[in-house]
């Protein structure tokens, strides 16, 4: 039996077909342009395969509350042409199989929980820090959701005393995403993160913001593991800086697992999202 997965990103759609053991049969990356052209290529990819079920992890904000009249629709996304687009219904018209929809970060969290850095645990957070900042959480073996998907990338943080940057978020200016995403780094310094790899102060400020966020997540959700992915986290020098700053900020107030096993990179690396999508397809067929 064939299962499908779509990791729908603002830059690219990753599509894959696997068997029940998640052995990938076919995989393709499709540039995200406008909905019509992007989805046509998606449908062309899946057309030769008879799917049993499909798992989708989408960029957003996307409505994943099944009780909402907007369920399956992208809402206030900054991606031009995709605002208020009914993604789920558009896909279901062409691929009429059981579909499990969640966010891209939820799918990555699920992939890492089932097959990666959080395997065997009951809870974890997967945080991606790249073009934007988003997080998915597993609590008691379930994807965390409520009225809608938690937007953990937009929490408030304290500005670093050496940072004069006012923030890059069009909604909140100096929220976590506005201060620590890839575009925020580039706008602050006039260079991309990889061009600043040897600038220690850049990563000390970045680590401070990430550590602040992780403190908040730890206080509220008490996860067993926090997994940090995304393009910014490819700067491996960040991990020890984040752990040191986390330790300082926590100040022995709360007990957490050893930081070397608590704050970790994703074992599945860039495949966490698509693996999570395929796993959801297998489980929710």
Protein backbone atom coordinates (compact mmCIF):
# COMPACT_ATOMS: atom_id res chain seq x y z
CA UNK A 1 0.00 0.00 0.00
CA UNK A 2 1.16 3.52 -0.81
CA UNK A 3 1.03 6.44 1.60
CA UNK A 4 1.59 10.07 0.69
CA UNK A 5 3.15 12.96 2.52
CA UNK A 6 3.25 16.67 1.73
CA UNK A 7 5.48 19.03 3.68
CA UNK A 8 4.00 22.27 2.39
CA UNK A 9 6.48 25.07 2.95
CA UNK A 10 6.53 28.71 1.98
CA UNK A 11 9.62 28.08 -0.15
CA UNK A 12 9.00 24.54 -1.38
CA UNK A 13 6.58 21.62 -1.17
CA UNK A 14 8.28 18.31 -0.38
CA UNK A 15 6.15 15.42 -1.66
CA UNK A 16 6.83 11.76 -0.96
CA UNK A 17 5.29 8.32 -1.32
CA UNK A 18 6.18 5.47 1.03
CA UNK A 19 5.07 2.03 2.04
CA UNK A 20 3.69 1.22 5.51
CA UNK A 21 7.20 0.93 6.97
CA UNK A 22 7.97 4.47 5.71
CA UNK A 23 10.37 3.19 3.06
CA UNK A 24 10.29 6.06 0.57
CA UNK A 25 9.34 5.01 -2.97
CA UNK A 26 9.41 8.45 -4.60
CA UNK A 27 10.16 11.99 -3.49
CA UNK A 28 10.13 15.41 -5.13
CA UNK A 29 10.75 19.04 -4.20
CA UNK A 30 8.44 21.59 -5.84
CA UNK A 31 8.98 25.33 -5.67
CA UNK A 32 6.17 27.20 -3.91
CA UNK A 33 4.87 29.76 -6.38
CA UNK A 34 1.12 30.42 -6.66
CA UNK A 35 -1.46 27.86 -5.45
CA UNK A 36 -2.66 26.80 -8.92
CA UNK A 37 0.77 26.09 -10.41
CA UNK A 38 2.23 24.60 -7.23
CA UNK A 39 -0.64 22.19 -6.64
CA UNK A 40 -0.75 21.10 -10.28
CA UNK A 41 2.82 19.86 -9.92
CA UNK A 42 1.91 18.21 -6.62
CA UNK A 43 -1.01 16.36 -8.23
CA UNK A 44 1.14 15.35 -11.20
CA UNK A 45 3.65 13.82 -8.78
CA UNK A 46 1.05 11.72 -6.95
CA UNK A 47 -0.97 10.76 -10.04
CA UNK A 48 0.87 7.45 -10.79
CA UNK A 49 0.33 6.16 -7.24
CA UNK A 50 -2.82 4.78 -5.67
CA UNK A 51 -2.66 6.29 -2.20
CA UNK A 52 -4.34 4.82 0.86
CA UNK A 53 -3.97 8.02 2.92
CA UNK A 54 -2.17 11.35 2.90
CA UNK A 55 -0.46 13.34 5.66
CA UNK A 56 0.04 17.10 5.24
CA UNK A 57 2.17 19.43 7.33
CA UNK A 58 1.65 22.99 6.14
CA UNK A 59 3.19 26.40 6.62
CA UNK A 60 0.83 28.93 8.09
CA UNK A 61 -0.85 30.28 9.95
CA UNK A 62 -3.27 27.53 8.96
CA UNK A 63 -6.52 26.62 10.70
CA UNK A 64 -6.32 23.08 12.10
CA UNK A 65 -9.33 23.27 14.41
CA UNK A 66 -11.82 20.88 12.82
CA UNK A 67 -14.71 22.76 14.41
CA UNK A 68 -13.82 25.98 12.61
CA UNK A 69 -15.47 26.97 9.34
CA UNK A 70 -11.97 27.89 8.16
CA UNK A 71 -10.56 24.40 8.85
CA UNK A 72 -7.87 23.56 6.32
CA UNK A 73 -7.39 27.16 5.17
CA UNK A 74 -4.30 29.30 5.30
CA UNK A 75 -5.21 32.53 7.06
CA UNK A 76 -2.99 35.57 7.62
CA UNK A 77 0.09 34.14 5.94
CA UNK A 78 2.60 36.67 4.56
CA UNK A 79 3.14 34.36 1.55
CA UNK A 80 1.72 36.34 -1.35
CA UNK A 81 -1.19 34.65 -3.14
CA UNK A 82 -1.84 32.11 -0.38
CA UNK A 83 -3.82 34.32 2.01
CA UNK A 84 -7.15 32.68 2.94
CA UNK A 85 -6.47 29.84 0.50
CA UNK A 86 -8.49 26.68 1.17
CA UNK A 87 -5.57 24.27 0.97
CA UNK A 88 -7.21 21.14 2.33
CA UNK A 89 -10.31 21.33 0.14
CA UNK A 90 -8.21 22.05 -2.96
CA UNK A 91 -6.12 18.92 -2.33
CA UNK A 92 -9.09 16.75 -1.40
CA UNK A 93 -10.80 17.54 -4.72
CA UNK A 94 -7.92 15.81 -6.53
CA UNK A 95 -6.75 13.25 -3.97
CA UNK A 96 -9.86 11.75 -2.39
CA UNK A 97 -8.37 9.68 0.42
CA UNK A 98 -8.29 10.12 4.21
CA UNK A 99 -6.13 13.18 4.88
CA UNK A 100 -4.53 14.16 8.18
CA UNK A 101 -3.70 17.86 8.26
CA UNK A 102 -1.43 19.59 10.74
CA UNK A 103 1.24 22.29 10.72
CA UNK A 104 4.72 21.83 9.31
CA UNK A 105 6.30 22.07 12.77
CA UNK A 106 3.79 19.63 14.26
CA UNK A 107 4.70 17.15 11.53
CA UNK A 108 8.41 17.61 12.27
CA UNK A 109 7.79 17.18 15.99
CA UNK A 110 5.84 14.00 15.29
CA UNK A 111 8.57 12.66 13.02
CA UNK A 112 11.26 13.28 15.64
CA UNK A 113 9.06 11.81 18.38
CA UNK A 114 8.41 8.62 16.42
CA UNK A 115 11.76 8.12 14.74
CA UNK A 116 14.27 10.71 15.91
CA UNK A 117 15.62 12.63 18.87
CA UNK A 118 12.54 12.14 21.08
CA UNK A 119 11.82 8.50 20.33
CA UNK A 120 10.65 6.65 23.44
CA UNK A 121 9.61 9.78 25.32
CA UNK A 122 6.13 11.03 26.19
CA UNK A 123 6.75 14.69 25.39
CA UNK A 124 8.93 16.98 23.33
CA UNK A 125 9.05 20.32 21.55
CA UNK A 126 10.38 20.73 18.03
CA UNK A 127 11.42 24.30 17.30
CA UNK A 128 12.44 25.48 13.84
CA UNK A 129 14.45 28.69 13.58
CA UNK A 130 14.87 29.81 10.01
CA UNK A 131 12.84 32.00 7.67
CA UNK A 132 10.36 32.14 10.54
CA UNK A 133 10.17 30.60 13.99
CA UNK A 134 7.59 27.98 14.84
CA UNK A 135 7.19 25.08 17.20
CA UNK A 136 5.24 21.87 17.52
CA UNK A 137 4.77 20.03 20.79
CA UNK A 138 3.99 16.46 21.77
CA UNK A 139 2.34 16.17 25.19
CA UNK A 140 1.45 12.78 26.66
CA UNK A 141 1.94 11.21 23.25
CA UNK A 142 -0.39 13.61 21.42
CA UNK A 143 0.19 16.65 19.22
CA UNK A 144 -0.65 19.71 21.32
CA UNK A 145 -3.56 21.74 20.01
CA UNK A 146 -6.39 23.79 21.47
CA UNK A 147 -8.54 26.53 19.97
CA UNK A 148 -5.89 26.51 17.27
CA UNK A 149 -2.23 25.73 16.80
CA UNK A 150 0.07 27.33 19.41
CA UNK A 151 2.19 30.10 17.85
CA UNK A 152 5.28 29.73 20.02
CA UNK A 153 7.44 31.77 17.66
CA UNK A 154 5.62 34.96 18.56
CA UNK A 155 6.08 35.06 22.32
CA UNK A 156 7.50 38.19 23.88
CA UNK A 157 11.15 38.28 24.93
CA UNK A 158 13.41 40.84 26.61
CA UNK A 159 15.72 42.76 24.29
CA UNK A 160 19.44 42.09 24.77
CA UNK A 161 21.21 45.10 26.27
CA UNK A 162 23.65 45.24 23.33
CA UNK A 163 20.96 44.89 20.66
CA UNK A 164 19.71 48.08 18.98
CA UNK A 165 17.56 46.24 16.42
CA UNK A 166 13.83 47.01 16.63
CA UNK A 167 12.56 43.71 15.24
CA UNK A 168 11.36 42.25 11.97
CA UNK A 169 7.87 40.85 12.68
CA UNK A 170 5.16 42.73 10.76
CA UNK A 171 2.68 42.01 13.56
CA UNK A 172 4.68 42.33 16.79
CA UNK A 173 8.02 43.89 15.80
CA UNK A 174 10.27 42.58 18.60
CA UNK A 175 8.71 39.20 19.39
CA UNK A 176 10.87 36.05 19.34
CA UNK A 177 10.53 35.59 15.57
CA UNK A 178 11.02 39.31 14.99
CA UNK A 179 14.34 39.25 16.85
CA UNK A 180 15.82 35.82 16.20
CA UNK A 181 14.67 34.48 12.80
CA UNK A 182 17.01 34.26 9.82
CA UNK A 183 15.59 37.41 8.19
CA UNK A 184 15.96 39.28 11.51
CA UNK A 185 19.66 38.38 11.62
CA UNK A 186 20.13 39.49 8.03
CA UNK A 187 18.25 42.76 8.51
CA UNK A 188 20.13 43.55 11.72
CA UNK A 189 23.62 42.94 10.34
CA UNK A 190 23.18 43.31 6.58
CA UNK A 191 24.51 39.77 6.02
CA UNK A 192 23.10 36.26 6.13
CA UNK A 193 23.80 34.10 9.15
CA UNK A 194 26.35 31.86 7.45
CA UNK A 195 28.37 34.95 6.53
CA UNK A 196 28.60 35.85 10.23
CA UNK A 197 29.70 32.45 11.51
CA UNK A 198 32.88 33.81 13.15
CA UNK A 199 31.20 36.81 14.81
CA UNK A 200 30.85 35.68 18.42
CA UNK A 201 28.66 38.58 19.58
CA UNK A 202 26.09 37.79 16.87
CA UNK A 203 25.55 34.30 18.24
CA UNK A 204 25.67 35.36 21.89
CA UNK A 205 22.71 37.67 21.24
CA UNK A 206 20.94 34.98 19.21
CA UNK A 207 21.55 32.39 21.95
CA UNK A 208 20.12 34.77 24.55
CA UNK A 209 16.84 35.08 22.65
CA UNK A 210 16.56 31.35 22.01
CA UNK A 211 17.39 30.53 25.65
CA UNK A 212 14.72 32.97 26.86
CA UNK A 213 12.14 31.19 24.70
CA UNK A 214 13.24 27.75 25.90
CA UNK A 215 12.91 28.89 29.51
CA UNK A 216 9.32 29.92 28.83
CA UNK A 217 8.49 26.65 27.07
CA UNK A 218 10.12 24.68 29.91
CA UNK A 219 8.17 26.54 32.59
CA UNK A 220 4.83 26.10 30.83
CA UNK A 221 5.00 22.67 29.18
CA UNK A 222 7.80 20.84 31.06
CA UNK A 223 8.86 18.81 27.97
CA UNK A 224 11.27 15.91 28.27
CA UNK A 225 13.29 17.15 25.28
CA UNK A 226 13.62 20.26 23.12
CA UNK A 227 14.75 19.76 19.54
CA UNK A 228 16.17 22.74 17.66
CA UNK A 229 16.08 22.66 13.85
CA UNK A 230 15.92 25.08 10.94
CA UNK A 231 18.51 26.98 8.96
CA UNK A 232 19.77 29.18 11.79
CA UNK A 233 20.51 26.12 13.94
CA UNK A 234 22.95 24.86 11.32
CA UNK A 235 25.34 27.20 13.14
CA UNK A 236 26.41 24.47 15.54
CA UNK A 237 28.27 26.93 17.78
CA UNK A 238 24.83 28.03 18.98
CA UNK A 239 24.13 24.89 21.01
CA UNK A 240 26.71 25.41 23.80
CA UNK A 241 25.88 29.13 23.93
CA UNK A 242 22.16 28.40 24.30
CA UNK A 243 22.76 25.81 27.01
CA UNK A 244 25.02 28.15 28.98
CA UNK A 245 22.54 31.02 28.76
CA UNK A 246 19.64 28.68 29.60
CA UNK A 247 21.49 27.58 32.74
CA UNK A 248 22.10 31.20 33.75
CA UNK A 249 18.50 32.27 33.19
CA UNK A 250 16.97 29.25 34.92
CA UNK A 251 19.25 29.93 37.90
CA UNK A 252 18.54 26.50 39.46
CA UNK A 253 14.84 27.36 39.83
CA UNK A 254 13.46 24.39 37.93
CA UNK A 255 14.81 20.89 37.47
CA UNK A 256 15.20 19.82 33.84
CA UNK A 257 17.04 16.87 32.26
CA UNK A 258 20.77 17.17 31.66
CA UNK A 259 21.12 19.94 29.08
CA UNK A 260 23.20 17.80 26.72
CA UNK A 261 20.20 15.50 26.33
CA UNK A 262 17.53 18.17 26.85
CA UNK A 263 18.45 20.66 24.11
CA UNK A 264 19.42 18.73 20.98
CA UNK A 265 19.46 18.87 17.16
CA UNK A 266 17.03 16.74 15.11
CA UNK A 267 18.30 13.25 14.28
CA UNK A 268 16.19 13.28 11.10
CA UNK A 269 17.68 16.66 10.15
CA UNK A 270 15.80 18.20 7.19
CA UNK A 271 13.65 15.05 6.77
CA UNK A 272 11.79 15.41 10.07
CA UNK A 273 8.77 17.08 8.46
CA UNK A 274 8.19 14.66 5.60
CA UNK A 275 8.78 11.64 7.85
CA UNK A 276 6.16 13.03 10.24
CA UNK A 277 3.69 13.54 7.38
CA UNK A 278 4.12 9.98 6.15
CA UNK A 279 3.81 8.61 9.70
CA UNK A 280 0.55 10.50 10.17
CA UNK A 281 -0.75 9.10 6.87
CA UNK A 282 0.03 5.55 7.99
CA UNK A 283 -1.57 6.01 11.41
CA UNK A 284 -4.67 7.93 10.36
CA UNK A 285 -5.65 6.03 7.22
